[in-house]
PDB file of N, CA and C in Angstrom:
ATOM      1  N   MET A   1     192.038 116.499 244.166  1.00  0.00           N
ATOM      2  CA  MET A   1     193.195 117.038 244.418  1.00  0.00           C
ATOM      3  C   MET A   1     193.586 117.569 242.785  1.00  0.00           C
ATOM      4  N   LEU A   2     194.462 119.031 242.831  1.00  0.00           N
ATOM      5  CA  LEU A   2     194.799 119.396 241.602  1.00  0.00           C
ATOM      6  C   LEU A   2     195.999 118.687 241.212  1.00  0.00           C
ATOM      7  N   ARG A   3     196.365 118.719 239.732  1.00  0.00           N
ATOM      8  CA  ARG A   3     197.145 117.902 239.516  1.00  0.00           C
ATOM      9  C   ARG A   3     198.052 119.037 238.385  1.00  0.00           C
ATOM     10  N   ILE A   4     199.073 119.456 238.420  1.00  0.00           N
ATOM     11  CA  ILE A   4     200.070 120.337 237.865  1.00  0.00           C
ATOM     12  C   ILE A   4     200.823 120.001 236.824  1.00  0.00           C
ATOM     13  N   ASN A   5     201.220 120.118 235.619  1.00  0.00           N
ATOM     14  CA  ASN A   5     201.910 119.586 234.945  1.00  0.00           C
ATOM     15  C   ASN A   5     203.218 120.464 234.496  1.00  0.00           C
ATOM     16  N   CYS A   6     203.953 120.224 235.426  1.00  0.00           N
ATOM     17  CA  CYS A   6     205.318 121.133 235.298  1.00  0.00           C
ATOM     18  C   CYS A   6     206.241 121.223 234.272  1.00  0.00           C
ATOM     19  N   PRO A   7     206.570 122.114 233.657  1.00  0.00           N
ATOM     20  CA  PRO A   7     207.652 121.866 232.406  1.00  0.00           C
ATOM     21  C   PRO A   7     208.623 121.110 232.804  1.00  0.00           C
ATOM     22  N   VAL A   8     209.131 121.126 234.049  1.00  0.00           N
ATOM     23  CA  VAL A   8     210.387 120.759 233.928  1.00  0.00           C
ATOM     24  C   VAL A   8     210.327 119.086 234.307  1.00  0.00           C
ATOM     25  N   CYS A   9     209.146 118.619 235.288  1.00  0.00           N
ATOM     26  CA  CYS A   9     209.349 117.524 236.052  1.00  0.00           C
ATOM     27  C   CYS A   9     208.147 116.830 235.591  1.00  0.00           C
ATOM     28  N   GLY A  10     207.194 117.074 234.676  1.00  0.00           N
ATOM     29  CA  GLY A  10     206.085 116.523 234.264  1.00  0.00           C
ATOM     30  C   GLY A  10     204.739 116.943 235.320  1.00  0.00           C
ATOM     31  N   LEU A  11     203.747 116.085 235.333  1.00  0.00           N
ATOM     32  CA  LEU A  11     202.411 115.982 236.155  1.00  0.00           C
ATOM     33  C   LEU A  11     202.779 115.623 237.347  1.00  0.00           C
ATOM     34  N   ARG A  12     202.244 116.528 238.367  1.00  0.00           N
ATOM     35  CA  ARG A  12     202.729 116.290 239.941  1.00  0.00           C
ATOM     36  C   ARG A  12     201.512 116.727 240.537  1.00  0.00           C
ATOM     37  N   ASP A  13     201.170 116.137 241.799  1.00  0.00           N
ATOM     38  CA  ASP A  13     200.053 116.606 242.674  1.00  0.00           C
ATOM     39  C   ASP A  13     200.259 118.220 242.987  1.00  0.00           C
ATOM     40  N   GLU A  14     199.467 118.667 243.533  1.00  0.00           N
ATOM     41  CA  GLU A  14     199.436 120.189 243.970  1.00  0.00           C
ATOM     42  C   GLU A  14     199.987 120.250 245.257  1.00  0.00           C
ATOM     43  N   THR A  15     200.047 118.944 246.045  1.00  0.00           N
ATOM     44  CA  THR A  15     200.820 119.428 247.524  1.00  0.00           C
ATOM     45  C   THR A  15     202.263 119.450 247.460  1.00  0.00           C
ATOM     46  N   GLU A  16     202.942 119.371 246.032  1.00  0.00           N
ATOM     47  CA  GLU A  16     204.273 119.431 246.233  1.00  0.00           C
ATOM     48  C   GLU A  16     204.718 121.013 245.724  1.00  0.00           C
ATOM     49  N   PHE A  17     203.533 121.952 245.233  1.00  0.00           N
ATOM     50  CA  PHE A  17     203.527 123.120 245.041  1.00  0.00           C
ATOM     51  C   PHE A  17     203.360 124.343 246.311  1.00  0.00           C
ATOM     52  N   SER A  18     203.608 125.351 246.238  1.00  0.00           N
ATOM     53  CA  SER A  18     203.169 126.680 246.972  1.00  0.00           C
ATOM     54  C   SER A  18     202.128 127.398 246.100  1.00  0.00           C
ATOM     55  N   TYR A  19     201.478 127.857 246.387  1.00  0.00           N
ATOM     56  CA  TYR A  19     200.817 129.220 245.621  1.00  0.00           C
ATOM     57  C   TYR A  19     201.163 130.216 245.816  1.00  0.00           C
ATOM     58  N   GLY A  20     201.584 130.941 244.678  1.00  0.00           N
ATOM     59  CA  GLY A  20     202.795 132.333 245.024  1.00  0.00           C
ATOM     60  C   GLY A  20     201.705 133.438 245.068  1.00  0.00           C
ATOM     61  N   ALA A  21     201.102 133.645 243.826  1.00  0.00           N
ATOM     62  CA  ALA A  21     200.439 135.071 243.766  1.00  0.00           C
ATOM     63  C   ALA A  21     199.461 134.915 242.360  1.00  0.00           C
ATOM     64  N   ASP A  22     198.669 136.237 242.325  1.00  0.00           N
ATOM     65  CA  ASP A  22     198.187 136.375 240.982  1.00  0.00           C
ATOM     66  C   ASP A  22     199.250 137.064 240.047  1.00  0.00           C
ATOM     67  N   ALA A  23     199.419 135.952 238.930  1.00  0.00           N
ATOM     68  CA  ALA A  23     200.461 136.530 237.951  1.00  0.00           C
ATOM     69  C   ALA A  23     200.164 137.733 236.873  1.00  0.00           C
ATOM     70  N   THR A  24     198.978 138.312 237.116  1.00  0.00           N
ATOM     71  CA  THR A  24     198.252 139.461 236.064  1.00  0.00           C
ATOM     72  C   THR A  24     198.835 140.930 236.936  1.00  0.00           C
ATOM     73  N   VAL A  25     199.106 140.993 238.172  1.00  0.00           N
ATOM     74  CA  VAL A  25     199.422 141.723 239.069  1.00  0.00           C
ATOM     75  C   VAL A  25     200.703 142.810 238.403  1.00  0.00           C
ATOM     76  N   LYS A  26     200.372 144.044 237.897  1.00  0.00           N
ATOM     77  CA  LYS A  26     201.722 144.695 237.491  1.00  0.00           C
ATOM     78  C   LYS A  26     202.429 145.344 238.852  1.00  0.00           C
ATOM     79  N   ARG A  27     203.676 145.185 239.104  1.00  0.00           N
ATOM     80  CA  ARG A  27     203.925 146.161 240.204  1.00  0.00           C
ATOM     81  C   ARG A  27     204.263 147.657 239.741  1.00  0.00           C
ATOM     82  N   PRO A  28     204.045 148.633 240.337  1.00  0.00           N
ATOM     83  CA  PRO A  28     204.457 149.958 240.118  1.00  0.00           C
ATOM     84  C   PRO A  28     206.010 149.893 239.799  1.00  0.00           C
ATOM     85  N   PHE A  29     206.464 151.319 239.124  1.00  0.00           N
ATOM     86  CA  PHE A  29     207.709 151.368 239.179  1.00  0.00           C
ATOM     87  C   PHE A  29     208.628 151.976 240.579  1.00  0.00           C
ATOM     88  N   MET A  30     209.547 151.830 240.666  1.00  0.00           N
ATOM     89  CA  MET A  30     210.218 152.173 241.955  1.00  0.00           C
ATOM     90  C   MET A  30     210.054 153.684 242.043  1.00  0.00           C
ATOM     91  N   ASP A  31     210.194 154.235 241.327  1.00  0.00           N
ATOM     92  CA  ASP A  31     210.051 155.820 241.657  1.00  0.00           C
ATOM     93  C   ASP A  31     208.604 156.307 241.362  1.00  0.00           C
ATOM     94  N   ASP A  32     207.945 155.725 241.595  1.00  0.00           N
ATOM     95  CA  ASP A  32     206.270 156.135 241.328  1.00  0.00           C
ATOM     96  C   ASP A  32     206.078 156.300 242.752  1.00  0.00           C
ATOM     97  N   THR A  33     205.756 157.497 243.338  1.00  0.00           N
ATOM     98  CA  THR A  33     205.447 157.992 244.749  1.00  0.00           C
ATOM     99  C   THR A  33     204.142 157.966 245.050  1.00  0.00           C
ATOM    100  N   ASP A  34     203.015 157.671 243.979  1.00  0.00           N
ATOM    101  CA  ASP A  34     201.487 157.714 244.278  1.00  0.00           C
ATOM    102  C   ASP A  34     201.303 156.719 245.339  1.00  0.00           C
ATOM    103  N   PRO A  35     201.106 157.234 246.531  1.00  0.00           N
ATOM    104  CA  PRO A  35     200.330 156.009 247.728  1.00  0.00           C
ATOM    105  C   PRO A  35     199.604 154.826 246.989  1.00  0.00           C
ATOM    106  N   SER A  36     198.368 155.430 246.212  1.00  0.00           N
ATOM    107  CA  SER A  36     197.442 154.783 245.602  1.00  0.00           C
ATOM    108  C   SER A  36     197.528 153.651 244.873  1.00  0.00           C
ATOM    109  N   ALA A  37     199.044 153.777 244.093  1.00  0.00           N
ATOM    110  CA  ALA A  37     199.487 152.575 243.257  1.00  0.00           C
ATOM    111  C   ALA A  37     199.934 151.699 244.019  1.00  0.00           C
ATOM    112  N   TRP A  38     200.794 152.215 245.187  1.00  0.00           N
ATOM    113  CA  TRP A  38     201.327 151.243 245.975  1.00  0.00           C
ATOM    114  C   TRP A  38     200.179 150.435 246.682  1.00  0.00           C
ATOM    115  N   LEU A  39     199.424 151.000 247.308  1.00  0.00           N
ATOM    116  CA  LEU A  39     198.371 150.411 247.933  1.00  0.00           C
ATOM    117  C   LEU A  39     197.274 149.359 247.333  1.00  0.00           C
ATOM    118  N   ASP A  40     197.075 149.938 246.310  1.00  0.00           N
ATOM    119  CA  ASP A  40     196.165 148.567 244.867  1.00  0.00           C
ATOM    120  C   ASP A  40     197.752 147.644 244.826  1.00  0.00           C
ATOM    121  N   TYR A  41     198.861 147.737 244.547  1.00  0.00           N
ATOM    122  CA  TYR A  41     199.738 146.790 244.462  1.00  0.00           C
ATOM    123  C   TYR A  41     199.727 145.572 245.302  1.00  0.00           C
ATOM    124  N   VAL A  42     200.045 146.143 246.483  1.00  0.00           N
ATOM    125  CA  VAL A  42     200.072 145.440 247.948  1.00  0.00           C
ATOM    126  C   VAL A  42     198.843 144.650 248.577  1.00  0.00           C
ATOM    127  N   PHE A  43     197.772 145.463 248.827  1.00  0.00           N
ATOM    128  CA  PHE A  43     196.840 144.802 249.358  1.00  0.00           C
ATOM    129  C   PHE A  43     195.443 144.719 248.527  1.00  0.00           C
ATOM    130  N   ASN A  44     195.023 145.615 247.399  1.00  0.00           N
ATOM    131  CA  ASN A  44     193.759 145.137 246.635  1.00  0.00           C
ATOM    132  C   ASN A  44     194.144 144.315 245.650  1.00  0.00           C
ATOM    133  N   ARG A  45     193.198 143.091 245.672  1.00  0.00           N
ATOM    134  CA  ARG A  45     193.149 142.265 244.755  1.00  0.00           C
ATOM    135  C   ARG A  45     191.543 142.011 244.464  1.00  0.00           C
ATOM    136  N   ASP A  46     191.770 141.349 242.756  1.00  0.00           N
ATOM    137  CA  ASP A  46     190.478 140.896 242.384  1.00  0.00           C
ATOM    138  C   ASP A  46     190.420 139.389 242.901  1.00  0.00           C
ATOM    139  N   ASN A  47     189.072 138.890 242.752  1.00  0.00           N
ATOM    140  CA  ASN A  47     188.851 137.637 243.347  1.00  0.00           C
ATOM    141  C   ASN A  47     188.050 137.218 242.054  1.00  0.00           C
ATOM    142  N   PRO A  48     188.943 136.876 241.009  1.00  0.00           N
ATOM    143  CA  PRO A  48     188.368 136.566 239.424  1.00  0.00           C
ATOM    144  C   PRO A  48     187.670 135.127 239.581  1.00  0.00           C
ATOM    145  N   ARG A  49     186.586 134.845 238.798  1.00  0.00           N
ATOM    146  CA  ARG A  49     185.812 133.937 238.755  1.00  0.00           C
ATOM    147  C   ARG A  49     185.809 133.295 237.325  1.00  0.00           C
ATOM    148  N   GLY A  50     186.660 132.290 237.029  1.00  0.00           N
ATOM    149  CA  GLY A  50     186.998 131.889 235.674  1.00  0.00           C
ATOM    150  C   GLY A  50     188.566 131.714 235.300  1.00  0.00           C
ATOM    151  N   ALA A  51     188.853 131.807 234.132  1.00  0.00           N
ATOM    152  CA  ALA A  51     190.112 131.675 233.569  1.00  0.00           C
ATOM    153  C   ALA A  51     190.984 132.819 234.519  1.00  0.00           C
ATOM    154  N   HIS A  52     191.943 132.327 234.710  1.00  0.00           N
ATOM    155  CA  HIS A  52     193.127 133.340 235.809  1.00  0.00           C
ATOM    156  C   HIS A  52     194.562 132.898 235.521  1.00  0.00           C
ATOM    157  N   LYS A  53     195.617 133.808 235.488  1.00  0.00           N
ATOM    158  CA  LYS A  53     196.934 133.175 235.416  1.00  0.00           C
ATOM    159  C   LYS A  53     197.477 133.314 237.095  1.00  0.00           C
ATOM    160  N   GLU A  54     198.358 132.508 237.497  1.00  0.00           N
ATOM    161  CA  GLU A  54     198.733 132.441 238.868  1.00  0.00           C
ATOM    162  C   GLU A  54     200.210 131.948 238.604  1.00  0.00           C
ATOM    163  N   TYR A  55     200.924 132.265 240.077  1.00  0.00           N
ATOM    164  CA  TYR A  55     202.202 132.161 240.175  1.00  0.00           C
ATOM    165  C   TYR A  55     202.172 130.608 241.231  1.00  0.00           C
ATOM    166  N   TRP A  56     203.114 129.609 241.067  1.00  0.00           N
ATOM    167  CA  TRP A  56     203.434 128.559 241.479  1.00  0.00           C
ATOM    168  C   TRP A  56     204.710 128.340 241.877  1.00  0.00           C
ATOM    169  N   HIS A  57     205.097 127.749 242.633  1.00  0.00           N
ATOM    170  CA  HIS A  57     206.375 127.662 242.890  1.00  0.00           C
ATOM    171  C   HIS A  57     206.123 126.211 243.399  1.00  0.00           C
ATOM    172  N   HIS A  58     207.052 125.397 242.689  1.00  0.00           N
ATOM    173  CA  HIS A  58     207.283 123.896 242.716  1.00  0.00           C
ATOM    174  C   HIS A  58     208.215 123.641 243.852  1.00  0.00           C
ATOM    175  N   VAL A  59     207.942 123.760 245.174  1.00  0.00           N
ATOM    176  CA  VAL A  59     208.973 123.437 246.491  1.00  0.00           C
ATOM    177  C   VAL A  59     209.191 122.085 246.561  1.00  0.00           C
ATOM    178  N   GLN A  60     208.735 121.194 246.177  1.00  0.00           N
ATOM    179  CA  GLN A  60     209.048 119.679 246.778  1.00  0.00           C
ATOM    180  C   GLN A  60     209.530 118.833 245.385  1.00  0.00           C
ATOM    181  N   GLY A  61     210.107 119.701 244.078  1.00  0.00           N
ATOM    182  CA  GLY A  61     210.480 119.380 242.955  1.00  0.00           C
ATOM    183  C   GLY A  61     211.576 120.120 242.594  1.00  0.00           C
ATOM    184  N   CYS A  62     211.394 120.744 241.505  1.00  0.00           N
ATOM    185  CA  CYS A  62     212.495 121.455 240.541  1.00  0.00           C
ATOM    186  C   CYS A  62     213.193 122.759 241.199  1.00  0.00           C
ATOM    187  N   ARG A  63     211.957 123.339 241.719  1.00  0.00           N
ATOM    188  CA  ARG A  63     211.999 124.652 242.917  1.00  0.00           C
ATOM    189  C   ARG A  63     211.845 125.846 241.737  1.00  0.00           C
ATOM    190  N   GLN A  64     211.268 125.659 240.911  1.00  0.00           N
ATOM    191  CA  GLN A  64     211.187 126.656 239.962  1.00  0.00           C
ATOM    192  C   GLN A  64     209.724 127.198 240.100  1.00  0.00           C
ATOM    193  N   TRP A  65     209.629 128.726 239.651  1.00  0.00           N
ATOM    194  CA  TRP A  65     208.618 129.214 239.445  1.00  0.00           C
ATOM    195  C   TRP A  65     207.528 129.356 238.438  1.00  0.00           C
ATOM    196  N   LEU A  66     206.861 128.958 238.398  1.00  0.00           N
ATOM    197  CA  LEU A  66     205.868 128.658 237.146  1.00  0.00           C
ATOM    198  C   LEU A  66     204.740 129.525 237.082  1.00  0.00           C
ATOM    199  N   VAL A  67     204.384 130.176 235.995  1.00  0.00           N
ATOM    200  CA  VAL A  67     203.012 130.451 235.665  1.00  0.00           C
ATOM    201  C   VAL A  67     201.899 129.444 235.042  1.00  0.00           C
ATOM    202  N   LEU A  68     201.089 129.369 236.061  1.00  0.00           N
ATOM    203  CA  LEU A  68     199.820 128.532 235.602  1.00  0.00           C
ATOM    204  C   LEU A  68     198.483 129.235 235.260  1.00  0.00           C
ATOM    205  N   ALA A  69     198.118 128.781 233.897  1.00  0.00           N
ATOM    206  CA  ALA A  69     196.552 129.107 233.555  1.00  0.00           C
ATOM    207  C   ALA A  69     195.676 128.295 234.410  1.00  0.00           C
ATOM    208  N   ARG A  70     194.668 128.585 235.439  1.00  0.00           N
ATOM    209  CA  ARG A  70     193.538 128.098 235.922  1.00  0.00           C
ATOM    210  C   ARG A  70     192.253 128.458 235.907  1.00  0.00           C
ATOM    211  N   ASN A  71     191.405 127.796 235.554  1.00  0.00           N
ATOM    212  CA  ASN A  71     189.861 128.343 236.076  1.00  0.00           C
ATOM    213  C   ASN A  71     189.720 128.113 237.321  1.00  0.00           C
ATOM    214  N   THR A  72     189.204 129.420 238.143  1.00  0.00           N
ATOM    215  CA  THR A  72     188.936 129.234 239.188  1.00  0.00           C
ATOM    216  C   THR A  72     187.812 128.746 239.712  1.00  0.00           C
ATOM    217  N   LEU A  73     186.980 128.922 238.906  1.00  0.00           N
ATOM    218  CA  LEU A  73     185.523 128.200 238.989  1.00  0.00           C
ATOM    219  C   LEU A  73     185.448 126.523 238.757  1.00  0.00           C
ATOM    220  N   THR A  74     186.083 125.879 237.672  1.00  0.00           N
ATOM    221  CA  THR A  74     186.054 124.435 237.685  1.00  0.00           C
ATOM    222  C   THR A  74     187.483 123.960 238.135  1.00  0.00           C
ATOM    223  N   HIS A  75     188.250 124.714 238.390  1.00  0.00           N
ATOM    224  CA  HIS A  75     189.957 123.929 238.858  1.00  0.00           C
ATOM    225  C   HIS A  75     190.508 123.514 237.252  1.00  0.00           C
ATOM    226  N   GLU A  76     190.039 123.735 236.108  1.00  0.00           N
ATOM    227  CA  GLU A  76     190.465 123.075 234.969  1.00  0.00           C
ATOM    228  C   GLU A  76     192.068 123.709 234.507  1.00  0.00           C
ATOM    229  N   MET A  77     192.800 122.971 234.824  1.00  0.00           N
ATOM    230  CA  MET A  77     194.501 123.514 234.787  1.00  0.00           C
ATOM    231  C   MET A  77     194.679 123.725 232.819  1.00  0.00           C
ATOM    232  N   GLY A  78     195.357 125.018 232.784  1.00  0.00           N
ATOM    233  CA  GLY A  78     195.593 125.025 231.285  1.00  0.00           C
ATOM    234  C   GLY A  78     197.200 124.968 231.184  1.00  0.00           C
ATOM    235  N   GLU A  79     197.357 125.997 230.332  1.00  0.00           N
ATOM    236  CA  GLU A  79     199.033 125.926 229.981  1.00  0.00           C
ATOM    237  C   GLU A  79     199.879 126.445 231.400  1.00  0.00           C
ATOM    238  N   CYS A  80     200.888 125.778 231.232  1.00  0.00           N
ATOM    239  CA  CYS A  80     201.974 126.254 232.445  1.00  0.00           C
ATOM    240  C   CYS A  80     203.109 125.956 232.072  1.00  0.00           C
ATOM    241  N   HIS A  81     203.912 127.401 231.857  1.00  0.00           N
ATOM    242  CA  HIS A  81     205.417 127.384 231.959  1.00  0.00           C
ATOM    243  C   HIS A  81     206.041 128.095 233.035  1.00  0.00           C
ATOM    244  N   LEU A  82     207.477 128.267 232.757  1.00  0.00           N
ATOM    245  CA  LEU A  82     208.398 128.816 233.662  1.00  0.00           C
ATOM    246  C   LEU A  82     208.042 130.284 233.641  1.00  0.00           C
ATOM    247  N   ALA A  83     208.524 130.687 234.958  1.00  0.00           N
ATOM    248  CA  ALA A  83     207.907 132.467 235.231  1.00  0.00           C
ATOM    249  C   ALA A  83     209.012 133.067 234.195  1.00  0.00           C
ATOM    250  N   ARG A  84     210.064 132.640 234.110  1.00  0.00           N
ATOM    251  CA  ARG A  84     211.481 133.446 233.651  1.00  0.00           C
ATOM    252  C   ARG A  84     211.388 133.430 232.077  1.00  0.00           C
ATOM    253  N   GLU A  85     210.385 132.596 231.608  1.00  0.00           N
ATOM    254  CA  GLU A  85     209.845 132.871 230.512  1.00  0.00           C
ATOM    255  C   GLU A  85     208.857 133.602 229.898  1.00  0.00           C
ATOM    256  N   THR A  86     208.535 134.264 231.136  1.00  0.00           N
ATOM    257  CA  THR A  86     207.044 135.400 230.846  1.00  0.00           C
ATOM    258  C   THR A  86     207.756 136.585 230.154  1.00  0.00           C
ATOM    259  N   ASN A  87     207.159 137.253 229.282  1.00  0.00           N
ATOM    260  CA  ASN A  87     207.711 138.494 228.601  1.00  0.00           C
ATOM    261  C   ASN A  87     207.088 139.610 229.869  1.00  0.00           C
TER     262      ASN A  87
END
């Protein structure tokens, strides 16, 4: 089982969280009319092996969205912070 260190609630089981998405994907600007940019944003994703940043929602806790650095190969957890604090 994965254990996520929520910056609000502390160390918790992954069962309290819901995976959100890849935190490295950037949304195109709303006035971007290039269909390929929107196609890539909505449907095309990399499947990284190794260090990766992900959005997680603490559904059964503080209900905050988090950005978690996780190694997809070893499941080692890295830095975790509130998504609203991301630039």
